[in-house]
Amino acid sequence: MTHIPPVERDKGLKVLEDYARNAPRYEVRLGAYRGLALLVPTTPTLKAVLQNIRDKETDDRLKAFYNLM
């Protein structure tokens, strides 16, 4: 995603953020979160988004994974 135009990248980030917040399966939420986390070096504003996702997560399994990252 780091090599695509900014407009398309923003669309992709929104999709990943939606999956990280709302996907019914925890595995999908975890994968989307990890995808966003990998993009933090290129998009520093994602750090706040990831923190917000961690703060609002209710699944204990995901909370444990997020604490390990």
PDB file of N, CA and C in Angstrom:
ATOM      1  N   MET A   1       0.815  -1.199   0.000  1.00  0.00           N
ATOM      2  CA  MET A   1       0.000   0.000   0.000  1.00  0.00           C
ATOM      3  C   MET A   1       0.853   1.255   0.000  1.00  0.00           C
ATOM      4  N   THR A   2       2.116   1.119   0.300  1.00  0.00           N
ATOM      5  CA  THR A   2       2.970   2.304   0.348  1.00  0.00           C
ATOM      6  C   THR A   2       3.309   2.832  -1.042  1.00  0.00           C
ATOM      7  N   HIS A   3       3.070   2.045  -2.087  1.00  0.00           N
ATOM      8  CA  HIS A   3       3.430   2.448  -3.442  1.00  0.00           C
ATOM      9  C   HIS A   3       2.229   2.835  -4.294  1.00  0.00           C
ATOM     10  N   ILE A   4       1.062   2.940  -3.706  1.00  0.00           N
ATOM     11  CA  ILE A   4      -0.115   3.319  -4.487  1.00  0.00           C
ATOM     12  C   ILE A   4      -0.431   4.792  -4.249  1.00  0.00           C
ATOM     13  N   PRO A   5      -1.197   5.414  -5.143  1.00  0.00           N
ATOM     14  CA  PRO A   5      -1.523   6.832  -4.984  1.00  0.00           C
ATOM     15  C   PRO A   5      -2.238   7.100  -3.651  1.00  0.00           C
ATOM     16  N   PRO A   6      -2.021   8.273  -3.071  1.00  0.00           N
ATOM     17  CA  PRO A   6      -2.602   8.599  -1.757  1.00  0.00           C
ATOM     18  C   PRO A   6      -4.117   8.445  -1.675  1.00  0.00           C
ATOM     19  N   VAL A   7      -4.831   8.779  -2.740  1.00  0.00           N
ATOM     20  CA  VAL A   7      -6.294   8.664  -2.708  1.00  0.00           C
ATOM     21  C   VAL A   7      -6.705   7.214  -2.525  1.00  0.00           C
ATOM     22  N   GLU A   8      -6.081   6.334  -3.282  1.00  0.00           N
ATOM     23  CA  GLU A   8      -6.401   4.908  -3.172  1.00  0.00           C
ATOM     24  C   GLU A   8      -5.934   4.346  -1.832  1.00  0.00           C
ATOM     25  N   ARG A   9      -4.791   4.799  -1.358  1.00  0.00           N
ATOM     26  CA  ARG A   9      -4.273   4.342  -0.062  1.00  0.00           C
ATOM     27  C   ARG A   9      -5.243   4.724   1.062  1.00  0.00           C
ATOM     28  N   ASP A  10      -5.779   5.938   1.003  1.00  0.00           N
ATOM     29  CA  ASP A  10      -6.731   6.371   2.025  1.00  0.00           C
ATOM     30  C   ASP A  10      -7.981   5.501   2.031  1.00  0.00           C
ATOM     31  N   LYS A  11      -8.431   5.109   0.847  1.00  0.00           N
ATOM     32  CA  LYS A  11      -9.585   4.205   0.770  1.00  0.00           C
ATOM     33  C   LYS A  11      -9.252   2.866   1.419  1.00  0.00           C
ATOM     34  N   GLY A  12      -8.072   2.350   1.132  1.00  0.00           N
ATOM     35  CA  GLY A  12      -7.647   1.075   1.710  1.00  0.00           C
ATOM     36  C   GLY A  12      -7.511   1.159   3.225  1.00  0.00           C
ATOM     37  N   LEU A  13      -6.985   2.264   3.718  1.00  0.00           N
ATOM     38  CA  LEU A  13      -6.851   2.440   5.168  1.00  0.00           C
ATOM     39  C   LEU A  13      -8.212   2.466   5.842  1.00  0.00           C
ATOM     40  N   LYS A  14      -9.170   3.094   5.198  1.00  0.00           N
ATOM     41  CA  LYS A  14     -10.530   3.141   5.763  1.00  0.00           C
ATOM     42  C   LYS A  14     -11.141   1.742   5.820  1.00  0.00           C
ATOM     43  N   VAL A  15     -10.908   0.947   4.787  1.00  0.00           N
ATOM     44  CA  VAL A  15     -11.428  -0.425   4.764  1.00  0.00           C
ATOM     45  C   VAL A  15     -10.776  -1.245   5.873  1.00  0.00           C
ATOM     46  N   LEU A  16      -9.457  -1.141   6.006  1.00  0.00           N
ATOM     47  CA  LEU A  16      -8.770  -1.879   7.066  1.00  0.00           C
ATOM     48  C   LEU A  16      -9.239  -1.437   8.445  1.00  0.00           C
ATOM     49  N   GLU A  17      -9.425  -0.136   8.620  1.00  0.00           N
ATOM     50  CA  GLU A  17      -9.896   0.365   9.912  1.00  0.00           C
ATOM     51  C   GLU A  17     -11.291  -0.174  10.221  1.00  0.00           C
ATOM     52  N   ASP A  18     -12.158  -0.200   9.208  1.00  0.00           N
ATOM     53  CA  ASP A  18     -13.499  -0.742   9.415  1.00  0.00           C
ATOM     54  C   ASP A  18     -13.443  -2.214   9.799  1.00  0.00           C
ATOM     55  N   TYR A  19     -12.596  -2.985   9.121  1.00  0.00           N
ATOM     56  CA  TYR A  19     -12.445  -4.397   9.474  1.00  0.00           C
ATOM     57  C   TYR A  19     -11.888  -4.546  10.888  1.00  0.00           C
ATOM     58  N   ALA A  20     -10.915  -3.737  11.249  1.00  0.00           N
ATOM     59  CA  ALA A  20     -10.296  -3.836  12.577  1.00  0.00           C
ATOM     60  C   ALA A  20     -11.294  -3.511  13.687  1.00  0.00           C
ATOM     61  N   ARG A  21     -12.264  -2.691  13.381  1.00  0.00           N
ATOM     62  CA  ARG A  21     -13.255  -2.307  14.393  1.00  0.00           C
ATOM     63  C   ARG A  21     -14.495  -3.204  14.399  1.00  0.00           C
ATOM     64  N   ASN A  22     -14.952  -3.633  13.220  1.00  0.00           N
ATOM     65  CA  ASN A  22     -16.302  -4.187  13.123  1.00  0.00           C
ATOM     66  C   ASN A  22     -16.427  -5.596  12.577  1.00  0.00           C
ATOM     67  N   ALA A  23     -15.350  -6.217  12.169  1.00  0.00           N
ATOM     68  CA  ALA A  23     -15.474  -7.558  11.587  1.00  0.00           C
ATOM     69  C   ALA A  23     -16.013  -8.532  12.636  1.00  0.00           C
ATOM     70  N   PRO A  24     -16.911  -9.414  12.241  1.00  0.00           N
ATOM     71  CA  PRO A  24     -17.501 -10.339  13.209  1.00  0.00           C
ATOM     72  C   PRO A  24     -16.512 -11.367  13.762  1.00  0.00           C
ATOM     73  N   ARG A  25     -15.477 -11.704  12.998  1.00  0.00           N
ATOM     74  CA  ARG A  25     -14.492 -12.688  13.455  1.00  0.00           C
ATOM     75  C   ARG A  25     -13.273 -11.972  14.009  1.00  0.00           C
ATOM     76  N   TYR A  26     -12.788 -12.450  15.148  1.00  0.00           N
ATOM     77  CA  TYR A  26     -11.664 -11.770  15.772  1.00  0.00           C
ATOM     78  C   TYR A  26     -10.396 -11.892  14.946  1.00  0.00           C
ATOM     79  N   GLU A  27     -10.266 -12.983  14.171  1.00  0.00           N
ATOM     80  CA  GLU A  27      -9.081 -13.163  13.343  1.00  0.00           C
ATOM     81  C   GLU A  27      -8.976 -12.080  12.268  1.00  0.00           C
ATOM     82  N   VAL A  28     -10.120 -11.712  11.722  1.00  0.00           N
ATOM     83  CA  VAL A  28     -10.157 -10.667  10.698  1.00  0.00           C
ATOM     84  C   VAL A  28      -9.794  -9.322  11.327  1.00  0.00           C
ATOM     85  N   ARG A  29     -10.358  -9.049  12.508  1.00  0.00           N
ATOM     86  CA  ARG A  29     -10.028  -7.794  13.203  1.00  0.00           C
ATOM     87  C   ARG A  29      -8.534  -7.731  13.511  1.00  0.00           C
ATOM     88  N   LEU A  30      -7.960  -8.846  13.962  1.00  0.00           N
ATOM     89  CA  LEU A  30      -6.533  -8.882  14.271  1.00  0.00           C
ATOM     90  C   LEU A  30      -5.694  -8.656  13.015  1.00  0.00           C
ATOM     91  N   GLY A  31      -6.036  -9.290  11.925  1.00  0.00           N
ATOM     92  CA  GLY A  31      -5.297  -9.130  10.678  1.00  0.00           C
ATOM     93  C   GLY A  31      -5.349  -7.702  10.157  1.00  0.00           C
ATOM     94  N   ALA A  32      -6.517  -7.090  10.236  1.00  0.00           N
ATOM     95  CA  ALA A  32      -6.645  -5.704   9.793  1.00  0.00           C
ATOM     96  C   ALA A  32      -5.842  -4.776  10.696  1.00  0.00           C
ATOM     97  N   TYR A  33      -5.862  -5.036  11.987  1.00  0.00           N
ATOM     98  CA  TYR A  33      -5.089  -4.232  12.934  1.00  0.00           C
ATOM     99  C   TYR A  33      -3.595  -4.351  12.629  1.00  0.00           C
ATOM    100  N   ARG A  34      -3.123  -5.565  12.386  1.00  0.00           N
ATOM    101  CA  ARG A  34      -1.704  -5.774  12.063  1.00  0.00           C
ATOM    102  C   ARG A  34      -1.330  -5.089  10.763  1.00  0.00           C
ATOM    103  N   GLY A  35      -2.248  -5.126   9.787  1.00  0.00           N
ATOM    104  CA  GLY A  35      -1.992  -4.431   8.526  1.00  0.00           C
ATOM    105  C   GLY A  35      -1.833  -2.937   8.734  1.00  0.00           C
ATOM    106  N   LEU A  36      -2.691  -2.377   9.568  1.00  0.00           N
ATOM    107  CA  LEU A  36      -2.576  -0.951   9.878  1.00  0.00           C
ATOM    108  C   LEU A  36      -1.286  -0.660  10.635  1.00  0.00           C
ATOM    109  N   ALA A  37      -0.940  -1.537  11.562  1.00  0.00           N
ATOM    110  CA  ALA A  37       0.267  -1.331  12.367  1.00  0.00           C
ATOM    111  C   ALA A  37       1.520  -1.335  11.495  1.00  0.00           C
ATOM    112  N   LEU A  38       1.528  -2.136  10.459  1.00  0.00           N
ATOM    113  CA  LEU A  38       2.683  -2.179   9.561  1.00  0.00           C
ATOM    114  C   LEU A  38       2.840  -0.882   8.766  1.00  0.00           C
ATOM    115  N   LEU A  39       1.758  -0.134   8.630  1.00  0.00           N
ATOM    116  CA  LEU A  39       1.799   1.101   7.849  1.00  0.00           C
ATOM    117  C   LEU A  39       2.087   2.341   8.687  1.00  0.00           C
ATOM    118  N   VAL A  40       2.243   2.190   9.995  1.00  0.00           N
ATOM    119  CA  VAL A  40       2.509   3.339  10.866  1.00  0.00           C
ATOM    120  C   VAL A  40       3.766   4.112  10.447  1.00  0.00           C
ATOM    121  N   PRO A  41       4.870   3.458  10.069  1.00  0.00           N
ATOM    122  CA  PRO A  41       6.056   4.240   9.670  1.00  0.00           C
ATOM    123  C   PRO A  41       5.805   5.182   8.491  1.00  0.00           C
ATOM    124  N   THR A  42       4.898   4.823   7.601  1.00  0.00           N
ATOM    125  CA  THR A  42       4.623   5.668   6.442  1.00  0.00           C
ATOM    126  C   THR A  42       3.466   6.627   6.666  1.00  0.00           C
ATOM    127  N   THR A  43       2.607   6.334   7.650  1.00  0.00           N
ATOM    128  CA  THR A  43       1.453   7.178   7.953  1.00  0.00           C
ATOM    129  C   THR A  43       1.348   7.329   9.464  1.00  0.00           C
ATOM    130  N   PRO A  44       2.067   8.286  10.043  1.00  0.00           N
ATOM    131  CA  PRO A  44       2.121   8.426  11.506  1.00  0.00           C
ATOM    132  C   PRO A  44       0.766   8.672  12.178  1.00  0.00           C
ATOM    133  N   THR A  45      -0.210   9.185  11.442  1.00  0.00           N
ATOM    134  CA  THR A  45      -1.519   9.444  12.052  1.00  0.00           C
ATOM    135  C   THR A  45      -2.229   8.147  12.444  1.00  0.00           C
ATOM    136  N   LEU A  46      -1.778   7.031  11.919  1.00  0.00           N
ATOM    137  CA  LEU A  46      -2.391   5.741  12.245  1.00  0.00           C
ATOM    138  C   LEU A  46      -2.153   5.345  13.699  1.00  0.00           C
ATOM    139  N   LYS A  47      -1.140   5.906  14.314  1.00  0.00           N
ATOM    140  CA  LYS A  47      -0.834   5.560  15.702  1.00  0.00           C
ATOM    141  C   LYS A  47      -2.037   5.872  16.607  1.00  0.00           C
ATOM    142  N   ALA A  48      -2.662   7.019  16.383  1.00  0.00           N
ATOM    143  CA  ALA A  48      -3.838   7.401  17.176  1.00  0.00           C
ATOM    144  C   ALA A  48      -5.028   6.499  16.860  1.00  0.00           C
ATOM    145  N   VAL A  49      -5.171   6.119  15.601  1.00  0.00           N
ATOM    146  CA  VAL A  49      -6.266   5.224  15.201  1.00  0.00           C
ATOM    147  C   VAL A  49      -6.095   3.868  15.882  1.00  0.00           C
ATOM    148  N   LEU A  50      -4.880   3.348  15.884  1.00  0.00           N
ATOM    149  CA  LEU A  50      -4.616   2.049  16.515  1.00  0.00           C
ATOM    150  C   LEU A  50      -4.881   2.111  18.017  1.00  0.00           C
ATOM    151  N   GLN A  51      -4.491   3.200  18.639  1.00  0.00           N
ATOM    152  CA  GLN A  51      -4.751   3.363  20.079  1.00  0.00           C
ATOM    153  C   GLN A  51      -6.252   3.362  20.352  1.00  0.00           C
ATOM    154  N   ASN A  52      -7.003   4.056  19.497  1.00  0.00           N
ATOM    155  CA  ASN A  52      -8.460   4.112  19.666  1.00  0.00           C
ATOM    156  C   ASN A  52      -9.083   2.733  19.484  1.00  0.00           C
ATOM    157  N   ILE A  53      -8.594   1.976  18.501  1.00  0.00           N
ATOM    158  CA  ILE A  53      -9.109   0.620  18.282  1.00  0.00           C
ATOM    159  C   ILE A  53      -8.827  -0.244  19.506  1.00  0.00           C
ATOM    160  N   ARG A  54      -7.608  -0.158  20.040  1.00  0.00           N
ATOM    161  CA  ARG A  54      -7.258  -0.930  21.251  1.00  0.00           C
ATOM    162  C   ARG A  54      -8.141  -0.552  22.426  1.00  0.00           C
ATOM    163  N   ASP A  55      -8.378   0.739  22.612  1.00  0.00           N
ATOM    164  CA  ASP A  55      -9.172   1.206  23.747  1.00  0.00           C
ATOM    165  C   ASP A  55     -10.624   0.748  23.682  1.00  0.00           C
ATOM    166  N   LYS A  56     -11.164   0.624  22.480  1.00  0.00           N
ATOM    167  CA  LYS A  56     -12.579   0.274  22.332  1.00  0.00           C
ATOM    168  C   LYS A  56     -12.822  -1.217  22.143  1.00  0.00           C
ATOM    169  N   GLU A  57     -11.765  -2.007  22.067  1.00  0.00           N
ATOM    170  CA  GLU A  57     -11.921  -3.452  21.852  1.00  0.00           C
ATOM    171  C   GLU A  57     -12.519  -4.109  23.087  1.00  0.00           C
ATOM    172  N   THR A  58     -13.449  -5.041  22.861  1.00  0.00           N
ATOM    173  CA  THR A  58     -14.105  -5.741  23.967  1.00  0.00           C
ATOM    174  C   THR A  58     -13.684  -7.213  24.064  1.00  0.00           C
ATOM    175  N   ASP A  59     -13.110  -7.767  23.002  1.00  0.00           N
ATOM    176  CA  ASP A  59     -12.700  -9.173  22.986  1.00  0.00           C
ATOM    177  C   ASP A  59     -11.383  -9.329  23.755  1.00  0.00           C
ATOM    178  N   ASP A  60     -11.402 -10.148  24.793  1.00  0.00           N
ATOM    179  CA  ASP A  60     -10.216 -10.342  25.629  1.00  0.00           C
ATOM    180  C   ASP A  60      -9.052 -10.959  24.867  1.00  0.00           C
ATOM    181  N   ARG A  61      -9.345 -11.830  23.886  1.00  0.00           N
ATOM    182  CA  ARG A  61      -8.272 -12.424  23.090  1.00  0.00           C
ATOM    183  C   ARG A  61      -7.525 -11.344  22.313  1.00  0.00           C
ATOM    184  N   LEU A  62      -8.283 -10.446  21.719  1.00  0.00           N
ATOM    185  CA  LEU A  62      -7.643  -9.376  20.947  1.00  0.00           C
ATOM    186  C   LEU A  62      -6.884  -8.412  21.848  1.00  0.00           C
ATOM    187  N   LYS A  63      -7.424  -8.129  23.014  1.00  0.00           N
ATOM    188  CA  LYS A  63      -6.718  -7.255  23.950  1.00  0.00           C
ATOM    189  C   LYS A  63      -5.347  -7.846  24.309  1.00  0.00           C
ATOM    190  N   ALA A  64      -5.319  -9.151  24.487  1.00  0.00           N
ATOM    191  CA  ALA A  64      -4.050  -9.816  24.803  1.00  0.00           C
ATOM    192  C   ALA A  64      -3.081  -9.708  23.627  1.00  0.00           C
ATOM    193  N   PHE A  65      -3.568  -9.929  22.412  1.00  0.00           N
ATOM    194  CA  PHE A  65      -2.695  -9.797  21.240  1.00  0.00           C
ATOM    195  C   PHE A  65      -2.190  -8.367  21.089  1.00  0.00           C
ATOM    196  N   TYR A  66      -3.069  -7.403  21.273  1.00  0.00           N
ATOM    197  CA  TYR A  66      -2.668  -6.007  21.119  1.00  0.00           C
ATOM    198  C   TYR A  66      -1.594  -5.635  22.145  1.00  0.00           C
ATOM    199  N   ASN A  67      -1.673  -6.186  23.322  1.00  0.00           N
ATOM    200  CA  ASN A  67      -0.668  -5.886  24.341  1.00  0.00           C
ATOM    201  C   ASN A  67       0.688  -6.494  24.000  1.00  0.00           C
ATOM    202  N   LEU A  68       0.696  -7.555  23.193  1.00  0.00           N
ATOM    203  CA  LEU A  68       1.941  -8.185  22.791  1.00  0.00           C
ATOM    204  C   LEU A  68       2.622  -7.451  21.639  1.00  0.00           C
ATOM    205  N   MET A  69       1.867  -6.624  20.927  1.00  0.00           N
ATOM    206  CA  MET A  69       2.426  -5.907  19.774  1.00  0.00           C
ATOM    207  C   MET A  69       3.110  -4.635  20.198  1.00  0.00           C
TER     208      MET A  69
END
